[in-house]
Amino acid sequence: MKVLFVEDDDKLAGVLLRGLREQQIDATRARDFAEGRERVLSGSYDVIVLDVMLPGGSGMDLCRLVRKRGIATPILMLTARDTINDRVEGLETGADDYMTKPFAFRELSARLHALDRRLPVLKPARYRIANLEVDLRARTVHRGDREILLTSRELHCSSCFVLHQDEVVGSGTAITAKVWDENHDPFSKVIEVLIARLRRKIDDAFEPKLIHTFRGAGYRFGI
């Protein structure tokens, strides 16, 4: 998971970055509004964490700018202010979650993983690959004119594929993170069984084939 922290407090940022990197999370820091804006617009992240009070601007304004640019990356707001109006304002600017300082590192880590796992409702709701259509908001899948009924885990797996189409997705990393929590054993056969079920439902009776296996590397979803 790649996380961008826009935080001007050197001490807090240092603690957070060290803690996240110990969890094998790729964490990057920006120190002010301008640097945060530059990194957001030029980089690609799984989650963005914005402090509300920043040199040169506010996290609220940066959040609005990000959404106006069509960037759908989940955003977590951090602030020392803890009124209902502050929390509502943060969410209305386009943030997905809100934490007040001080906070426990374990809770921050859990929220980051939850934001990374969830279906990204701010991204386009409907995806089409060949004659397959996946609607993440409606939670429906169609292949041609046939509706495909999927379980919740199958739907999460298919959403992971459509959001990373034409990329090789590792079965023990990205799919596990999207479909199960971090306590799941990525070396078990459950992922293989899940993808076999998904392949039977959306691929076996149709052309072109969309799920491609790369032994030792994972799966690619696309034509």
Protein backbone atom coordinates (compact mmCIF):
# COMPACT_ATOMS: atom_id res chain seq x y z
CA MET A 1 0.00 0.00 0.00
CA LYS A 2 1.30 3.48 -0.92
CA VAL A 3 0.32 6.27 1.47
CA LEU A 4 0.93 10.01 1.20
CA PHE A 5 1.03 12.02 4.45
CA VAL A 6 0.62 15.79 4.18
CA GLU A 7 1.66 16.84 7.68
CA ASP A 8 3.76 19.80 8.87
CA ASP A 9 4.51 18.46 12.38
CA ASP A 10 8.00 16.95 12.05
CA LYS A 11 7.81 14.91 15.25
CA LEU A 12 4.40 13.39 14.47
CA ALA A 13 5.31 12.73 10.84
CA GLY A 14 8.53 10.99 11.87
CA VAL A 15 6.71 8.65 14.26
CA LEU A 16 4.01 7.82 11.71
CA LEU A 17 6.40 7.20 8.84
CA ARG A 18 8.63 4.91 10.90
CA GLY A 19 5.66 2.97 12.21
CA LEU A 20 4.09 2.47 8.79
CA ARG A 21 7.34 1.50 7.12
CA GLU A 22 7.83 -1.14 9.81
CA GLN A 23 4.51 -2.57 8.57
CA GLN A 24 5.88 -2.66 5.02
CA ILE A 25 3.72 0.30 3.97
CA ASP A 26 5.29 2.64 1.40
CA ALA A 27 4.76 5.98 3.17
CA THR A 28 5.73 9.37 1.70
CA ARG A 29 5.52 12.76 3.39
CA ALA A 30 4.74 16.27 2.16
CA ARG A 31 5.37 19.16 4.57
CA ASP A 32 2.98 21.86 3.37
CA PHE A 33 0.07 22.65 1.03
CA ALA A 34 2.25 23.30 -2.03
CA GLU A 35 4.32 20.13 -1.68
CA GLY A 36 1.19 18.11 -0.95
CA ARG A 37 -0.51 19.47 -4.05
CA GLU A 38 2.52 18.65 -6.19
CA ARG A 39 2.82 15.09 -4.90
CA VAL A 40 -0.90 14.37 -5.18
CA LEU A 41 -1.10 15.58 -8.77
CA SER A 42 2.11 13.91 -9.93
CA GLY A 43 2.03 10.63 -7.99
CA SER A 44 -0.18 7.60 -7.49
CA TYR A 45 -1.23 6.58 -3.98
CA ASP A 46 -3.64 4.11 -2.41
CA VAL A 47 -4.56 6.44 0.49
CA ILE A 48 -3.91 10.14 1.18
CA VAL A 49 -3.74 11.49 4.76
CA LEU A 50 -4.27 15.26 5.09
CA ASP A 51 -3.69 17.42 8.14
CA VAL A 52 -6.30 20.18 8.24
CA MET A 53 -3.91 22.98 9.27
CA LEU A 54 -1.04 23.28 6.78
CA PRO A 55 1.48 26.01 5.92
CA GLY A 56 0.29 27.74 2.74
CA GLY A 57 -3.28 26.44 2.82
CA SER A 58 -5.63 24.00 4.48
CA GLY A 59 -6.15 20.29 4.13
CA MET A 60 -9.80 21.01 3.38
CA ASP A 61 -8.83 23.11 0.36
CA LEU A 62 -6.38 20.47 -0.82
CA CYS A 63 -9.08 17.82 -0.51
CA ARG A 64 -11.47 19.94 -2.61
CA LEU A 65 -8.77 20.44 -5.24
CA VAL A 66 -8.06 16.71 -5.40
CA ARG A 67 -11.73 15.89 -5.96
CA LYS A 68 -12.17 18.63 -8.57
CA ARG A 69 -9.29 17.07 -10.51
CA GLY A 70 -11.20 13.79 -10.56
CA ILE A 71 -8.72 11.98 -8.30
CA ALA A 72 -10.68 9.34 -6.40
CA THR A 73 -7.97 8.14 -3.98
CA PRO A 74 -9.43 7.61 -0.47
CA ILE A 75 -8.63 10.54 1.84
CA LEU A 76 -8.29 10.50 5.63
CA MET A 77 -8.38 13.89 7.38
CA LEU A 78 -6.37 14.54 10.57
CA THR A 79 -7.19 17.47 12.84
CA ALA A 80 -6.98 18.69 16.41
CA ARG A 81 -10.52 20.09 16.11
CA ASP A 82 -13.27 17.79 17.31
CA THR A 83 -16.61 19.46 16.74
CA ILE A 84 -19.41 17.96 14.68
CA ASN A 85 -19.22 20.89 12.24
CA ASP A 86 -15.52 20.24 11.67
CA ARG A 87 -16.10 16.56 10.97
CA VAL A 88 -19.02 17.30 8.66
CA GLU A 89 -17.01 19.92 6.77
CA GLY A 90 -14.18 17.47 6.26
CA LEU A 91 -16.49 14.82 4.86
CA GLU A 92 -18.35 17.32 2.67
CA THR A 93 -15.09 18.39 1.00
CA GLY A 94 -14.72 14.82 -0.26
CA ALA A 95 -12.82 13.09 2.55
CA ASP A 96 -13.64 9.46 3.27
CA ASP A 97 -12.69 9.32 6.94
CA TYR A 98 -11.79 11.68 9.79
CA MET A 99 -9.52 11.29 12.85
CA THR A 100 -8.88 13.75 15.66
CA LYS A 101 -5.54 14.26 17.38
CA PRO A 102 -4.25 12.72 19.53
CA PHE A 103 -4.93 9.25 18.17
CA ALA A 104 -3.58 5.73 18.61
CA PHE A 105 -1.24 4.51 15.89
CA ARG A 106 -3.01 1.13 15.79
CA GLU A 107 -6.30 2.84 14.95
CA LEU A 108 -4.69 4.92 12.20
CA SER A 109 -3.13 1.80 10.70
CA ALA A 110 -6.46 -0.05 10.83
CA ARG A 111 -8.28 2.83 9.15
CA LEU A 112 -5.69 3.03 6.37
CA HIS A 113 -6.07 -0.68 5.65
CA ALA A 114 -9.86 -0.36 5.72
CA LEU A 115 -9.77 2.53 3.22
CA ASP A 116 -7.44 0.56 0.96
CA ARG A 117 -9.67 -2.54 1.07
CA ARG A 118 -13.06 -1.03 0.54
CA LEU A 119 -14.84 -0.63 -2.78
CA PRO A 120 -13.83 2.85 -3.96
CA VAL A 121 -17.24 4.49 -4.37
CA LEU A 122 -15.67 7.76 -5.52
CA LYS A 123 -14.21 6.06 -8.58
CA PRO A 124 -16.39 5.46 -11.63
CA ALA A 125 -19.18 3.14 -10.55
CA ARG A 126 -19.40 1.18 -13.80
CA TYR A 127 -16.61 -0.59 -15.66
CA ARG A 128 -16.76 -2.37 -19.02
CA ILE A 129 -14.14 -4.79 -20.32
CA ALA A 130 -15.08 -6.42 -23.62
CA ASN A 131 -18.70 -7.57 -23.02
CA LEU A 132 -18.34 -7.70 -19.21
CA GLU A 133 -19.91 -4.90 -17.18
CA VAL A 134 -19.25 -4.48 -13.44
CA ASP A 135 -21.25 -1.88 -11.50
CA LEU A 136 -19.56 -1.39 -8.14
CA ARG A 137 -22.26 0.84 -6.70
CA ALA A 138 -25.17 -1.38 -7.70
CA ARG A 139 -23.06 -4.50 -6.97
CA THR A 140 -24.12 -6.15 -10.22
CA VAL A 141 -22.20 -8.00 -12.91
CA HIS A 142 -23.33 -8.73 -16.48
CA ARG A 143 -21.61 -10.64 -19.28
CA GLY A 144 -23.33 -9.77 -22.52
CA ASP A 145 -27.05 -9.79 -21.77
CA ARG A 146 -26.72 -12.28 -18.89
CA GLU A 147 -26.64 -11.23 -15.24
CA ILE A 148 -23.97 -13.03 -13.22
CA LEU A 149 -24.78 -13.63 -9.56
CA LEU A 150 -21.67 -13.34 -7.38
CA THR A 151 -21.05 -13.81 -3.69
CA SER A 152 -19.67 -10.87 -1.72
CA ARG A 153 -16.09 -12.19 -1.90
CA GLU A 154 -16.41 -12.93 -5.61
CA LEU A 155 -17.64 -9.38 -6.15
CA HIS A 156 -14.72 -7.93 -4.19
CA CYS A 157 -12.33 -10.07 -6.21
CA SER A 158 -13.88 -8.96 -9.51
CA SER A 159 -13.68 -5.31 -8.36
CA CYS A 160 -9.98 -5.78 -7.63
CA PHE A 161 -9.51 -7.13 -11.15
CA VAL A 162 -11.43 -4.38 -12.97
CA LEU A 163 -9.67 -1.65 -10.99
CA HIS A 164 -6.30 -3.16 -11.96
CA GLN A 165 -7.14 -4.41 -15.43
CA ASP A 166 -4.18 -5.28 -17.64
CA GLU A 167 -1.91 -5.42 -14.57
CA VAL A 168 -0.51 -8.62 -13.10
CA VAL A 169 -2.09 -8.83 -9.64
CA GLY A 170 -0.36 -11.05 -7.10
CA SER A 171 -2.64 -13.64 -5.52
CA GLY A 172 -0.91 -13.39 -2.15
CA THR A 173 -0.88 -9.59 -1.88
CA ALA A 174 -3.35 -7.33 -3.65
CA ILE A 175 -6.23 -9.80 -3.89
CA THR A 176 -5.83 -10.88 -0.27
CA ALA A 177 -5.84 -7.25 0.89
CA LYS A 178 -9.01 -6.47 -1.05
CA VAL A 179 -10.98 -9.59 -0.16
CA TRP A 180 -9.74 -10.61 3.29
CA ASP A 181 -8.20 -8.81 6.23
CA GLU A 182 -4.49 -8.81 7.02
CA ASN A 183 -4.85 -11.90 9.23
CA HIS A 184 -5.68 -14.13 6.27
CA ASP A 185 -2.98 -16.57 5.20
CA PRO A 186 -1.94 -15.49 1.68
CA PHE A 187 -0.32 -18.87 1.04
CA SER A 188 -3.50 -20.87 1.49
CA LYS A 189 -5.43 -22.30 -1.45
CA VAL A 190 -8.50 -20.16 -0.74
CA ILE A 191 -7.57 -17.50 -3.30
CA GLU A 192 -7.10 -20.13 -6.01
CA VAL A 193 -10.49 -21.64 -5.20
CA LEU A 194 -12.15 -18.22 -5.25
CA ILE A 195 -10.68 -17.31 -8.63
CA ALA A 196 -11.61 -20.72 -10.04
CA ARG A 197 -15.23 -20.06 -8.99
CA LEU A 198 -15.13 -16.57 -10.49
CA ARG A 199 -13.65 -17.90 -13.72
CA ARG A 200 -16.45 -20.48 -14.04
CA LYS A 201 -19.08 -17.77 -13.63
CA ILE A 202 -17.74 -14.95 -15.80
CA ASP A 203 -15.29 -16.60 -18.21
CA ASP A 204 -15.80 -20.27 -19.04
CA ALA A 205 -18.95 -19.88 -21.16
CA PHE A 206 -17.90 -16.62 -22.81
CA GLU A 207 -15.44 -15.10 -25.24
CA PRO A 208 -13.01 -13.45 -25.03
CA LYS A 209 -11.40 -14.94 -21.93
CA LEU A 210 -10.59 -12.26 -19.35
CA ILE A 211 -8.82 -13.99 -16.43
CA HIS A 212 -5.26 -15.00 -17.32
CA THR A 213 -2.95 -16.91 -14.96
CA PHE A 214 0.76 -16.10 -14.70
CA ARG A 215 2.35 -18.90 -12.69
CA GLY A 216 4.41 -17.62 -9.80
CA ALA A 217 3.26 -14.03 -10.38
CA GLY A 218 -0.53 -13.86 -10.14
CA TYR A 219 -3.35 -12.99 -12.52
CA ARG A 220 -4.04 -10.45 -15.25
CA PHE A 221 -7.57 -9.31 -16.03
CA GLY A 222 -8.21 -8.05 -19.54
CA ILE A 223 -8.47 -9.04 -23.18
